[in-house]
Amino acid sequence: MNAQAIKNACKDFAAVAAPYLSINDESHYDEALVLIEALLEEAEDNLIDPLNSVISILSHSIDEYENKNDELVQFDLDATGQTSDLAILRLLMDQYNLSMADLPEIGTKSMVSRVLSGERSLNKNHIKALSERYKISPSLFF
């Protein structure tokens, strides 16, 4: 393949992939996530598969978008700054719009407050009850 053919192939690729090479909106971000997941399933686990280069480019674009998006940055900070049991509990509270009074599986509002502050930990019974109520695996809490 000569230089002109490579140049043309790169231009064609850039024209098709442009919205995903520099992601600027949530729609293209969501599409890029779906695309990269499909490519990861299809790509061979070796350095010569050209799909791995595309995955690398998309990963970089996704990472740049996430680092510019205040909401995603805050989510990452919140998730990495706490234990997994508290992260799951806070996620459930957020997703289901729950207050501390809405978690009888843990106990009173003051007990929920102590768990959320890190003063107390979720025990086996709390985790079992929450897992059953929200139909999630107890392993998510560990």
Protein backbone atom coordinates (compact mmCIF):
# COMPACT_ATOMS: atom_id res chain seq x y z
CA MET A 1 0.00 0.00 0.00
CA ASN A 2 1.47 3.33 -0.93
CA ALA A 3 1.50 6.56 1.06
CA GLN A 4 -1.40 8.08 -0.88
CA ALA A 5 -3.61 5.05 -0.19
CA ILE A 6 -2.82 5.23 3.54
CA LYS A 7 -3.50 8.97 3.53
CA ASN A 8 -6.86 8.43 1.82
CA ALA A 9 -7.82 5.61 4.21
CA CYS A 10 -6.97 7.83 7.20
CA LYS A 11 -9.04 10.70 5.80
CA ASP A 12 -11.98 8.36 5.21
CA PHE A 13 -11.68 7.00 8.75
CA ALA A 14 -11.45 10.50 10.25
CA ALA A 15 -14.53 11.64 8.31
CA VAL A 16 -16.63 8.74 9.62
CA ALA A 17 -15.21 8.75 13.16
CA ALA A 18 -15.08 12.54 13.67
CA PRO A 19 -17.93 12.72 16.23
CA TYR A 20 -16.15 10.10 18.36
CA LEU A 21 -12.59 11.39 18.03
CA SER A 22 -13.48 14.54 19.94
CA ILE A 23 -16.68 13.89 21.88
CA ASN A 24 -18.61 17.06 22.69
CA ASP A 25 -22.06 15.87 23.74
CA GLU A 26 -23.76 13.14 25.72
CA SER A 27 -25.32 11.57 22.63
CA HIS A 28 -21.94 10.89 21.01
CA TYR A 29 -20.53 9.84 24.39
CA ASP A 30 -23.26 7.19 24.76
CA GLU A 31 -22.72 6.04 21.17
CA ALA A 32 -18.97 5.82 21.76
CA LEU A 33 -19.52 3.63 24.83
CA VAL A 34 -21.72 1.25 22.83
CA LEU A 35 -19.23 1.25 19.96
CA ILE A 36 -16.23 0.52 22.17
CA GLU A 37 -18.09 -2.31 23.89
CA ALA A 38 -18.85 -3.90 20.51
CA LEU A 39 -15.25 -3.47 19.39
CA LEU A 40 -13.94 -5.01 22.61
CA GLU A 41 -16.08 -8.08 21.99
CA GLU A 42 -14.85 -8.41 18.42
CA ALA A 43 -11.17 -7.48 18.72
CA GLU A 44 -8.55 -10.17 19.07
CA ASP A 45 -6.27 -9.96 22.06
CA ASN A 46 -3.08 -9.12 20.18
CA LEU A 47 -1.16 -6.07 19.05
CA ILE A 48 -1.70 -6.57 15.34
CA ASP A 49 -5.51 -6.42 15.34
CA PRO A 50 -6.31 -2.94 13.95
CA LEU A 51 -9.45 -2.80 16.07
CA ASN A 52 -7.23 -2.45 19.13
CA SER A 53 -5.88 0.82 17.74
CA VAL A 54 -9.42 2.09 17.22
CA ILE A 55 -10.30 1.01 20.78
CA SER A 56 -7.30 2.96 22.06
CA ILE A 57 -8.37 6.09 20.16
CA LEU A 58 -11.97 5.80 21.39
CA SER A 59 -10.81 5.16 24.96
CA HIS A 60 -8.78 8.35 24.85
CA SER A 61 -11.74 10.35 23.51
CA ILE A 62 -14.10 8.91 26.13
CA ASP A 63 -11.58 9.67 28.88
CA GLU A 64 -11.19 13.27 27.68
CA TYR A 65 -14.97 13.77 27.60
CA GLU A 66 -15.40 12.29 31.10
CA ASN A 67 -12.64 14.50 32.48
CA LYS A 68 -14.34 17.62 31.05
CA ASN A 69 -17.84 16.69 32.30
CA ASP A 70 -18.32 18.05 35.84
CA GLU A 71 -21.07 15.55 36.67
CA LEU A 72 -18.93 12.57 35.64
CA VAL A 73 -15.89 13.95 37.46
CA GLN A 74 -17.95 14.35 40.64
CA PHE A 75 -19.38 10.83 40.27
CA ASP A 76 -15.87 9.43 39.95
CA LEU A 77 -14.68 11.36 43.01
CA ASP A 78 -17.67 10.17 45.02
CA ALA A 79 -17.25 6.56 43.93
CA THR A 80 -13.52 6.31 44.54
CA GLY A 81 -13.59 8.15 47.84
CA GLN A 82 -15.66 5.59 49.73
CA THR A 83 -15.97 1.90 50.45
CA SER A 84 -18.01 -0.19 48.04
CA ASP A 85 -20.81 -0.85 50.57
CA LEU A 86 -21.32 2.88 51.11
CA ALA A 87 -21.05 3.59 47.40
CA ILE A 88 -23.80 1.05 46.65
CA LEU A 89 -25.97 2.34 49.49
CA ARG A 90 -25.61 5.94 48.30
CA LEU A 91 -26.30 4.85 44.71
CA LEU A 92 -29.49 3.08 45.79
CA MET A 93 -30.56 6.13 47.77
CA ASP A 94 -29.91 8.36 44.78
CA GLN A 95 -31.56 6.11 42.20
CA TYR A 96 -34.66 5.48 44.28
CA ASN A 97 -34.76 9.00 45.79
CA LEU A 98 -34.60 7.59 49.32
CA SER A 99 -34.12 9.45 52.57
CA MET A 100 -32.58 7.97 55.70
CA ALA A 101 -36.11 7.16 56.91
CA ASP A 102 -36.73 4.99 53.82
CA LEU A 103 -34.26 2.26 54.79
CA PRO A 104 -35.88 0.11 57.48
CA GLU A 105 -33.52 -2.71 56.45
CA ILE A 106 -30.75 -0.81 58.24
CA GLY A 107 -32.80 0.56 61.12
CA THR A 108 -33.64 3.99 62.41
CA LYS A 109 -32.67 7.25 60.71
CA SER A 110 -29.88 7.69 63.25
CA MET A 111 -28.51 4.23 62.47
CA VAL A 112 -28.59 4.99 58.72
CA SER A 113 -26.83 8.28 59.46
CA ARG A 114 -24.10 6.47 61.39
CA VAL A 115 -23.63 4.02 58.52
CA LEU A 116 -23.44 6.82 55.95
CA SER A 117 -20.92 8.74 58.06
CA GLY A 118 -18.71 5.67 58.38
CA GLU A 119 -19.30 5.43 62.11
CA ARG A 120 -20.97 2.03 61.70
CA SER A 121 -20.79 -0.59 58.96
CA LEU A 122 -23.48 -2.50 57.15
CA ASN A 123 -23.76 -5.96 58.63
CA LYS A 124 -24.70 -9.23 56.99
CA ASN A 125 -28.41 -8.82 57.78
CA HIS A 126 -28.52 -5.27 56.37
CA ILE A 127 -26.84 -6.42 53.15
CA LYS A 128 -29.12 -9.43 52.79
CA ALA A 129 -32.27 -7.33 53.30
CA LEU A 130 -31.12 -4.58 50.90
CA SER A 131 -30.13 -7.15 48.29
CA GLU A 132 -33.53 -8.81 48.47
CA ARG A 133 -35.45 -5.51 48.38
CA TYR A 134 -33.57 -4.10 45.38
CA LYS A 135 -32.94 -7.45 43.67
CA ILE A 136 -29.18 -7.01 43.50
CA SER A 137 -26.32 -9.33 44.31
CA PRO A 138 -24.99 -9.05 47.87
CA SER A 139 -21.48 -9.18 46.38
CA LEU A 140 -21.93 -5.59 45.19
CA PHE A 141 -21.51 -4.49 48.79
CA PHE A 142 -18.02 -6.01 49.08
